[in-house]
Amino acid sequence: MGRVWKSLFSRLTARRVRTRRVPIAERFAHFRAIGAANDAFLDNLTSLMEGTARRSGGLAAVAAAYEALSAPVGALVRSLSAMAGGRYHSLLGRYEAIDRELSQEVLKARPIEFGPPVIWPDHPEAQRPQVVGPKAARLAEIAALGGFRVPSFFSVSVYGFRTFMEATGLQDLAEASLWSADLADGQALRRLSRTMSEAVLAASVPPGLAGELQAGFRRLHQELPSLVGVAVRSSAVVEDSESSFAGQFESLLNVGEEGLLDAYKRVIASKYRPEVLQYALARGFLDEDIAMPVLVMAMVEPAAAGVAYSSDPSHPGRAVVTAVRGLAQPVVEGRAVPDRYLVSTGEPPRVVAMTAGNRAGVLRCRVGGGLIETVGDPAQGDDATLDSEDACRVAP
């Protein structure tokens, strides 16, 4: 029997991953979990067969039955992988791929949950990534901790996204387009991208959702009378996770109230970019997996901005701070080379090395909305963007 199992696993797993030795007590606990999952599956299957014999269920009943069977199978596979110390980890990936293929058809009948379309950081659901996306959820968590200067913001939740997609017919169009397109064909993928992007941008934001967005902007303005505009950014539920989608979704800066609805649609439309679709397909995501909450945050006019890393892999015990004058978008887009500071993380921290970047232009907010890029101030010459004290304060 042991040889049969080994043969089966060798066929199901394409590669081996790093494993660990599992203590006997932990292995036995996973073994018991496998038995419990198997019992649950058989119980649910029996109930399903008895229920089918008595009555015919609707599509919602089919979806519920599928979930009742799928959940214990998933638990069984995860426990089996854990019991083996991760030796058959790719078996879990294969299960998830099969589950996605089946659920795409079966679970589309599942009723949509409803909730507030706009969520502020003090709302009970503000820290739930599945509702506001990981990016907004982490910001809400930081804001709740206190002691940090987090610009005011709100999130257009996954409920708001679903309202937009359903009320405009875009969800039906997406499902029909995805089912009919040959996604392995590059031209077909680009046609699908163009169809969906144009449809999203041409759609009208439902009045209720539009009103919530505009009311949110006005509330930000009341909290910050000097508010010029907002940053409108993606906070997709799959973003910043194991599948990062880094830099693939739209971000718009210094958006005024009159441009807020169009900016919201542009962020939604960016989930249908060809490169996003290709990446999603490669990672096994369906369209319904990439729900798109959107983060709306008050803009700040920074003297300098950039990216900080808590650890430099080539220099243990050192943090890295990068910065340019003005907004950091040119760095994110790869159009500018920032100043780079290597900071020791001891007490007190200190800058141990600094490499100058390219200071040709500075991106700032334009009065009335949008951005303007200007030539750097000649009076500043070759001065560093940050002094040593600021670099040490920024270093994580």
Protein backbone atom coordinates (compact mmCIF):
# COMPACT_ATOMS: atom_id res chain seq x y z
CA MET A 1 0.00 0.00 0.00
CA GLY A 2 2.87 2.37 0.80
CA ARG A 3 4.32 1.97 -2.71
CA VAL A 4 0.94 2.81 -4.22
CA TRP A 5 0.71 6.07 -2.25
CA LYS A 6 4.27 7.03 -3.18
CA SER A 7 3.55 6.38 -6.84
CA LEU A 8 0.37 8.46 -6.66
CA PHE A 9 2.12 11.42 -5.03
CA SER A 10 5.03 11.30 -7.48
CA ARG A 11 2.54 11.69 -10.32
CA LEU A 12 0.59 14.50 -8.69
CA THR A 13 3.60 16.56 -7.67
CA ALA A 14 5.79 18.08 -10.36
CA ARG A 15 8.56 19.25 -8.05
CA ARG A 16 9.72 18.92 -4.48
CA VAL A 17 9.88 21.76 -2.02
CA ARG A 18 11.84 22.26 1.16
CA THR A 19 10.59 19.88 3.81
CA ARG A 20 10.93 19.62 7.56
CA ARG A 21 10.90 16.74 10.00
CA VAL A 22 7.46 16.57 11.62
CA PRO A 23 7.35 15.41 15.27
CA ILE A 24 5.33 12.26 15.80
CA ALA A 25 2.73 14.02 17.99
CA GLU A 26 2.12 16.68 15.35
CA ARG A 27 2.01 14.03 12.62
CA PHE A 28 -0.61 12.10 14.57
CA ALA A 29 -2.70 15.27 15.01
CA HIS A 30 -2.66 15.82 11.24
CA PHE A 31 -3.58 12.16 10.72
CA ARG A 32 -6.62 12.61 12.97
CA ALA A 33 -7.54 15.78 11.05
CA ILE A 34 -7.44 13.78 7.81
CA GLY A 35 -9.82 11.25 9.28
CA ALA A 36 -12.17 13.98 10.49
CA ALA A 37 -12.15 15.67 7.08
CA ASN A 38 -12.86 12.36 5.37
CA ASP A 39 -15.80 11.72 7.74
CA ALA A 40 -17.16 15.21 7.10
CA PHE A 41 -16.96 14.69 3.36
CA LEU A 42 -18.80 11.38 3.55
CA ASP A 43 -21.47 12.83 5.88
CA ASN A 44 -22.04 15.79 3.58
CA LEU A 45 -22.15 13.53 0.53
CA THR A 46 -24.74 11.31 2.23
CA SER A 47 -26.85 14.34 3.17
CA LEU A 48 -26.60 15.64 -0.37
CA MET A 49 -27.71 12.33 -1.88
CA GLU A 50 -30.63 12.06 0.56
CA GLY A 51 -31.67 15.65 -0.09
CA THR A 52 -31.52 15.17 -3.85
CA ALA A 53 -33.77 12.13 -3.58
CA ARG A 54 -36.39 14.15 -1.66
CA ARG A 55 -36.40 17.44 -3.60
CA SER A 56 -34.77 19.38 -6.39
CA GLY A 57 -32.73 22.39 -5.27
CA GLY A 58 -32.05 25.63 -7.06
CA LEU A 59 -28.68 26.95 -8.14
CA ALA A 60 -28.01 28.37 -4.68
CA ALA A 61 -28.51 24.88 -3.23
CA VAL A 62 -26.03 23.48 -5.75
CA ALA A 63 -23.48 26.11 -4.72
CA ALA A 64 -24.00 25.30 -1.03
CA ALA A 65 -23.62 21.58 -1.71
CA TYR A 66 -20.41 22.17 -3.64
CA GLU A 67 -18.92 24.18 -0.81
CA ALA A 68 -19.96 21.52 1.70
CA LEU A 69 -17.97 18.92 -0.26
CA SER A 70 -15.05 21.10 -1.29
CA ALA A 71 -14.19 22.39 2.20
CA PRO A 72 -13.40 18.99 3.79
CA VAL A 73 -11.42 17.90 0.73
CA GLY A 74 -9.33 21.05 1.05
CA ALA A 75 -8.81 20.40 4.76
CA LEU A 76 -7.78 16.82 4.00
CA VAL A 77 -5.19 17.91 1.42
CA ARG A 78 -3.75 20.61 3.67
CA SER A 79 -3.43 18.19 6.60
CA LEU A 80 -1.79 15.60 4.38
CA SER A 81 0.76 18.17 3.17
CA ALA A 82 1.46 19.30 6.74
CA MET A 83 1.80 15.73 7.99
CA ALA A 84 4.49 15.15 5.35
CA GLY A 85 6.38 18.29 6.36
CA GLY A 86 5.57 20.05 3.09
CA ARG A 87 6.95 17.25 0.92
CA TYR A 88 3.79 17.16 -1.19
CA HIS A 89 3.03 20.88 -1.07
CA SER A 90 2.31 21.05 -4.82
CA LEU A 91 -0.60 18.64 -4.24
CA LEU A 92 -2.33 21.53 -2.50
CA GLY A 93 -1.73 23.72 -5.54
CA ARG A 94 -3.23 21.07 -7.79
CA TYR A 95 -6.29 20.81 -5.55
CA GLU A 96 -6.73 24.58 -5.59
CA ALA A 97 -6.48 24.66 -9.39
CA ILE A 98 -9.15 21.97 -9.74
CA ASP A 99 -11.31 23.73 -7.15
CA ARG A 100 -11.08 26.99 -9.11
CA GLU A 101 -12.06 25.30 -12.38
CA LEU A 102 -15.13 23.76 -10.78
CA SER A 103 -16.14 26.77 -8.71
CA GLN A 104 -16.00 29.10 -11.72
CA GLU A 105 -19.15 27.41 -13.00
CA VAL A 106 -20.77 26.15 -9.82
CA LEU A 107 -20.28 29.05 -7.42
CA LYS A 108 -21.24 31.87 -9.76
CA ALA A 109 -24.78 31.28 -8.48
CA ARG A 110 -23.66 32.10 -4.93
CA PRO A 111 -25.53 35.16 -3.62
CA ILE A 112 -23.48 38.32 -3.29
CA GLU A 113 -22.94 39.71 0.19
CA PHE A 114 -23.86 43.33 0.76
CA GLY A 115 -22.39 45.95 3.02
CA PRO A 116 -21.36 49.61 3.12
CA PRO A 117 -19.89 50.82 -0.20
CA VAL A 118 -17.59 53.30 1.57
CA ILE A 119 -15.67 52.33 4.72
CA TRP A 120 -13.70 54.67 6.98
CA PRO A 121 -10.74 53.56 9.13
CA ASP A 122 -12.81 53.40 12.33
CA HIS A 123 -15.43 51.06 10.80
CA PRO A 124 -15.53 47.46 12.19
CA GLU A 125 -14.67 46.06 8.74
CA ALA A 126 -11.88 48.55 7.98
CA GLN A 127 -9.15 46.04 8.88
CA ARG A 128 -10.61 43.12 6.90
CA PRO A 129 -8.50 42.58 3.73
CA GLN A 130 -11.32 40.66 2.06
CA VAL A 131 -13.53 43.76 2.38
CA VAL A 132 -11.19 46.71 1.75
CA GLY A 133 -8.13 44.95 0.34
CA PRO A 134 -4.77 44.34 2.10
CA LYS A 135 -3.38 47.80 1.37
CA ALA A 136 -6.29 49.70 2.96
CA ALA A 137 -6.61 47.16 5.79
CA ARG A 138 -2.98 47.66 6.81
CA LEU A 139 -3.36 51.43 6.73
CA ALA A 140 -6.44 51.18 8.95
CA GLU A 141 -4.50 48.96 11.36
CA ILE A 142 -1.64 51.47 11.52
CA ALA A 143 -4.07 54.34 12.05
CA ALA A 144 -5.73 52.44 14.91
CA LEU A 145 -2.41 51.91 16.68
CA GLY A 146 -1.89 55.64 17.14
CA GLY A 147 1.43 57.43 17.11
CA PHE A 148 1.65 57.45 13.33
CA ARG A 149 0.77 60.30 10.97
CA VAL A 150 -1.53 58.57 8.49
CA PRO A 151 -3.24 60.87 5.97
CA SER A 152 -7.04 60.77 6.16
CA PHE A 153 -8.60 58.18 3.84
CA PHE A 154 -11.58 56.01 3.09
CA SER A 155 -12.03 52.81 1.10
CA VAL A 156 -14.51 51.97 -1.62
CA SER A 157 -15.21 48.45 -0.40
CA VAL A 158 -15.65 45.17 -2.21
CA TYR A 159 -19.39 45.77 -1.77
CA GLY A 160 -19.10 49.01 -3.69
CA PHE A 161 -17.09 47.25 -6.40
CA ARG A 162 -19.72 44.52 -6.76
CA THR A 163 -22.47 47.12 -6.92
CA PHE A 164 -20.65 48.87 -9.76
CA MET A 165 -20.03 45.66 -11.69
CA GLU A 166 -23.53 44.23 -11.23
CA ALA A 167 -25.58 47.41 -11.69
CA THR A 168 -23.82 48.31 -14.94
CA GLY A 169 -23.96 44.81 -16.47
CA LEU A 170 -20.18 44.68 -16.51
CA GLN A 171 -20.06 41.46 -14.49
CA ASP A 172 -22.20 39.65 -17.08
CA LEU A 173 -20.05 41.08 -19.88
CA ALA A 174 -16.85 39.96 -18.13
CA GLU A 175 -18.14 36.42 -17.62
CA ALA A 176 -19.36 36.11 -21.21
CA SER A 177 -16.12 37.56 -22.61
CA LEU A 178 -13.89 35.34 -20.51
CA TRP A 179 -15.82 32.20 -21.38
CA SER A 180 -15.79 32.91 -25.13
CA ALA A 181 -12.19 34.11 -25.48
CA ASP A 182 -9.19 31.90 -26.18
CA LEU A 183 -6.99 33.27 -23.43
CA ALA A 184 -3.96 31.40 -24.74
CA ASP A 185 -4.13 33.58 -27.89
CA GLY A 186 -2.32 36.88 -27.38
CA GLN A 187 -4.52 38.77 -29.84
CA ALA A 188 -7.70 37.43 -28.25
CA LEU A 189 -6.39 38.47 -24.84
CA ARG A 190 -5.73 42.01 -26.08
CA ARG A 191 -9.20 42.20 -27.64
CA LEU A 192 -10.74 41.09 -24.36
CA SER A 193 -8.68 43.69 -22.51
CA ARG A 194 -9.79 46.46 -24.86
CA THR A 195 -13.45 45.40 -24.71
CA MET A 196 -13.59 45.32 -20.93
CA SER A 197 -11.50 48.46 -20.37
CA GLU A 198 -13.62 50.51 -22.76
CA ALA A 199 -16.84 49.17 -21.24
CA VAL A 200 -15.72 50.05 -17.70
CA LEU A 201 -14.69 53.57 -18.67
CA ALA A 202 -17.93 54.14 -20.60
CA ALA A 203 -20.15 52.92 -17.74
CA SER A 204 -21.86 55.33 -15.36
CA VAL A 205 -21.15 54.86 -11.67
CA PRO A 206 -24.53 53.98 -10.05
CA PRO A 207 -26.06 57.07 -8.36
CA GLY A 208 -25.96 55.60 -4.86
CA LEU A 209 -22.30 54.68 -5.11
CA ALA A 210 -21.43 57.97 -6.81
CA GLY A 211 -23.11 59.87 -3.98
CA GLU A 212 -21.13 57.93 -1.36
CA LEU A 213 -17.86 58.69 -3.14
CA GLN A 214 -18.58 62.39 -3.45
CA ALA A 215 -19.75 62.58 0.17
CA GLY A 216 -16.51 60.87 1.19
CA PHE A 217 -14.46 63.47 -0.67
CA ARG A 218 -16.37 66.31 0.99
CA ARG A 219 -15.83 64.73 4.41
CA LEU A 220 -12.09 64.62 3.73
CA HIS A 221 -12.25 68.28 2.79
CA GLN A 222 -14.04 69.10 6.04
CA GLU A 223 -11.38 67.26 8.04
CA LEU A 224 -8.59 68.92 6.02
CA PRO A 225 -9.68 72.37 4.79
CA SER A 226 -6.37 72.73 2.93
CA LEU A 227 -7.08 69.54 0.93
CA VAL A 228 -6.13 69.97 -2.73
CA GLY A 229 -6.84 66.51 -4.06
CA VAL A 230 -6.76 62.80 -3.27
CA ALA A 231 -4.78 59.76 -4.31
CA VAL A 232 -7.01 57.08 -5.86
CA ARG A 233 -5.26 53.72 -5.66
CA SER A 234 -6.02 50.04 -6.11
CA SER A 235 -6.40 47.86 -3.03
CA ALA A 236 -7.34 44.59 -4.75
CA VAL A 237 -7.99 41.65 -2.46
CA VAL A 238 -5.14 39.71 -4.13
CA GLU A 239 -2.70 42.64 -4.08
CA ASP A 240 0.36 42.70 -1.81
CA SER A 241 -0.06 38.98 -1.10
CA GLU A 242 1.87 35.95 -2.39
CA SER A 243 0.74 37.17 -5.82
CA SER A 244 1.64 40.83 -5.51
CA PHE A 245 0.44 42.32 -8.83
CA ALA A 246 3.11 44.93 -8.03
CA GLY A 247 2.71 48.08 -10.12
CA GLN A 248 0.15 46.54 -12.46
CA PHE A 249 -2.96 48.40 -11.31
CA GLU A 250 -3.68 52.09 -11.82
CA SER A 251 -2.86 54.80 -9.28
CA LEU A 252 -3.90 58.41 -9.78
CA LEU A 253 -2.58 61.33 -7.76
CA ASN A 254 -4.03 64.74 -6.87
CA VAL A 255 -7.54 63.96 -8.11
CA GLY A 256 -10.20 66.62 -7.46
CA GLU A 257 -13.85 65.97 -6.62
CA GLU A 258 -14.93 66.47 -10.22
CA GLY A 259 -12.53 63.78 -11.41
CA LEU A 260 -13.15 61.27 -8.63
CA LEU A 261 -15.69 59.06 -10.42
CA ASP A 262 -13.57 58.82 -13.57
CA ALA A 263 -10.50 58.02 -11.45
CA TYR A 264 -12.44 55.25 -9.69
CA LYS A 265 -13.39 53.73 -13.06
CA ARG A 266 -9.80 53.95 -14.31
CA VAL A 267 -8.60 51.91 -11.33
CA ILE A 268 -11.29 49.29 -11.97
CA ALA A 269 -10.46 49.21 -15.70
CA SER A 270 -6.79 48.54 -14.90
CA LYS A 271 -7.68 45.02 -13.71
CA TYR A 272 -8.30 44.20 -17.39
CA ARG A 273 -4.92 45.31 -18.69
CA PRO A 274 -3.32 42.57 -20.87
CA GLU A 275 -0.38 42.18 -18.50
CA VAL A 276 -2.73 41.87 -15.50
CA LEU A 277 -4.83 39.23 -17.26
CA GLN A 278 -1.71 37.27 -18.22
CA TYR A 279 -0.32 37.43 -14.69
CA ALA A 280 -3.67 36.45 -13.18
CA LEU A 281 -4.04 33.47 -15.50
CA ALA A 282 -0.50 32.32 -14.72
CA ARG A 283 -1.31 32.45 -11.00
CA GLY A 284 -4.61 30.60 -11.40
CA PHE A 285 -6.87 33.56 -10.58
CA LEU A 286 -10.33 33.96 -12.06
CA ASP A 287 -11.90 37.34 -12.75
CA GLU A 288 -14.08 37.00 -9.64
CA ASP A 289 -10.96 36.49 -7.50
CA ILE A 290 -9.64 39.95 -8.36
CA ALA A 291 -12.26 42.01 -6.55
CA MET A 292 -11.13 45.63 -6.58
CA PRO A 293 -11.64 47.75 -3.48
CA VAL A 294 -10.19 51.22 -4.02
CA LEU A 295 -8.29 53.44 -1.58
CA VAL A 296 -9.03 57.19 -1.60
CA MET A 297 -6.48 59.11 0.51
CA ALA A 298 -5.83 62.79 1.08
CA MET A 299 -2.79 64.00 -0.85
CA VAL A 300 0.21 65.48 0.87
CA GLU A 301 2.75 67.80 -0.77
CA PRO A 302 6.02 66.22 0.36
CA ALA A 303 9.40 67.88 0.34
CA ALA A 304 10.75 64.40 -0.44
CA ALA A 305 9.33 60.92 -0.93
CA GLY A 306 10.56 57.44 -1.70
CA VAL A 307 10.73 53.84 -0.54
CA ALA A 308 12.29 52.36 2.60
CA TYR A 309 13.37 48.76 3.19
CA SER A 310 13.82 47.36 6.70
CA SER A 311 16.71 45.14 5.65
CA ASP A 312 19.34 45.09 2.93
CA PRO A 313 19.97 41.43 1.96
CA SER A 314 23.62 42.17 1.14
CA HIS A 315 24.23 44.11 4.37
CA PRO A 316 22.68 42.42 7.45
CA GLY A 317 21.73 44.88 10.16
CA ARG A 318 21.31 47.71 7.66
CA ALA A 319 18.15 49.40 6.38
CA VAL A 320 17.84 51.11 3.01
CA VAL A 321 16.10 54.43 2.39
CA THR A 322 15.60 55.84 -1.11
CA ALA A 323 14.26 59.33 -1.79
CA VAL A 324 13.68 61.99 -4.43
CA ARG A 325 12.43 65.53 -4.07
CA GLY A 326 8.69 65.94 -4.45
CA LEU A 327 6.46 62.94 -5.18
CA ALA A 328 7.92 59.46 -5.62
CA GLN A 329 5.94 58.41 -8.71
CA PRO A 330 8.95 58.81 -11.08
CA VAL A 331 10.84 56.30 -8.92
CA VAL A 332 7.96 53.82 -8.93
CA GLU A 333 7.66 54.18 -12.71
CA GLY A 334 11.41 53.72 -13.19
CA ARG A 335 11.92 57.20 -14.68
CA ALA A 336 14.18 58.51 -11.92
CA VAL A 337 17.06 57.21 -9.85
CA PRO A 338 16.63 58.15 -6.17
CA ASP A 339 19.26 58.98 -3.60
CA ARG A 340 20.08 55.82 -1.67
CA TYR A 341 20.98 55.76 2.03
CA LEU A 342 22.35 52.72 3.84
CA VAL A 343 21.43 53.08 7.52
CA SER A 344 22.77 50.99 10.38
CA THR A 345 19.96 49.79 12.65
CA GLY A 346 21.95 49.97 15.86
CA GLU A 347 21.47 52.51 18.66
CA PRO A 348 21.74 55.21 17.62
CA PRO A 349 21.11 54.57 13.90
CA ARG A 350 23.46 56.30 11.47
CA VAL A 351 23.95 56.68 7.75
CA VAL A 352 26.95 54.55 6.76
CA ALA A 353 26.78 55.18 3.00
CA MET A 354 24.95 57.44 0.58
CA THR A 355 24.71 57.20 -3.21
CA ALA A 356 23.39 60.19 -5.13
CA GLY A 357 20.67 59.66 -7.72
CA ASN A 358 19.32 61.65 -10.65
CA ARG A 359 17.76 64.95 -9.60
CA ALA A 360 16.79 66.23 -13.04
CA GLY A 361 13.08 66.84 -12.32
CA VAL A 362 10.65 67.20 -9.43
CA LEU A 363 7.01 66.02 -9.56
CA ARG A 364 4.53 68.06 -7.53
CA CYS A 365 0.78 68.58 -7.19
CA ARG A 366 -0.68 71.16 -9.52
CA VAL A 367 -3.24 73.65 -8.24
CA GLY A 368 -6.64 72.56 -9.55
CA GLY A 369 -5.69 68.89 -9.85
CA GLY A 370 -3.18 66.74 -11.64
CA LEU A 371 0.60 66.82 -11.46
CA ILE A 372 3.36 69.00 -12.83
CA GLU A 373 7.01 68.10 -13.30
CA THR A 374 9.50 70.90 -12.94
CA VAL A 375 13.24 71.21 -13.24
CA GLY A 376 14.98 70.90 -9.86
CA ASP A 377 15.93 74.00 -7.92
CA PRO A 378 19.44 75.03 -9.07
CA ALA A 379 20.03 76.60 -5.65
CA GLN A 380 19.99 73.13 -4.14
CA GLY A 381 22.76 71.96 -6.45
CA ASP A 382 24.06 68.54 -5.53
CA ASP A 383 22.69 68.64 -1.99
CA ALA A 384 21.31 65.30 -0.81
CA THR A 385 17.53 64.90 -0.82
CA LEU A 386 17.56 63.96 2.88
CA ASP A 387 20.01 64.88 5.58
CA SER A 388 21.38 62.14 7.83
CA GLU A 389 18.89 62.84 10.62
CA ASP A 390 15.89 62.51 8.31
CA ALA A 391 17.23 59.32 6.72
CA CYS A 392 17.65 57.75 10.16
CA ARG A 393 14.13 58.79 11.18
CA VAL A 394 12.67 57.19 8.05
CA ALA A 395 14.65 53.95 8.32
CA PRO A 396 12.31 51.15 9.60
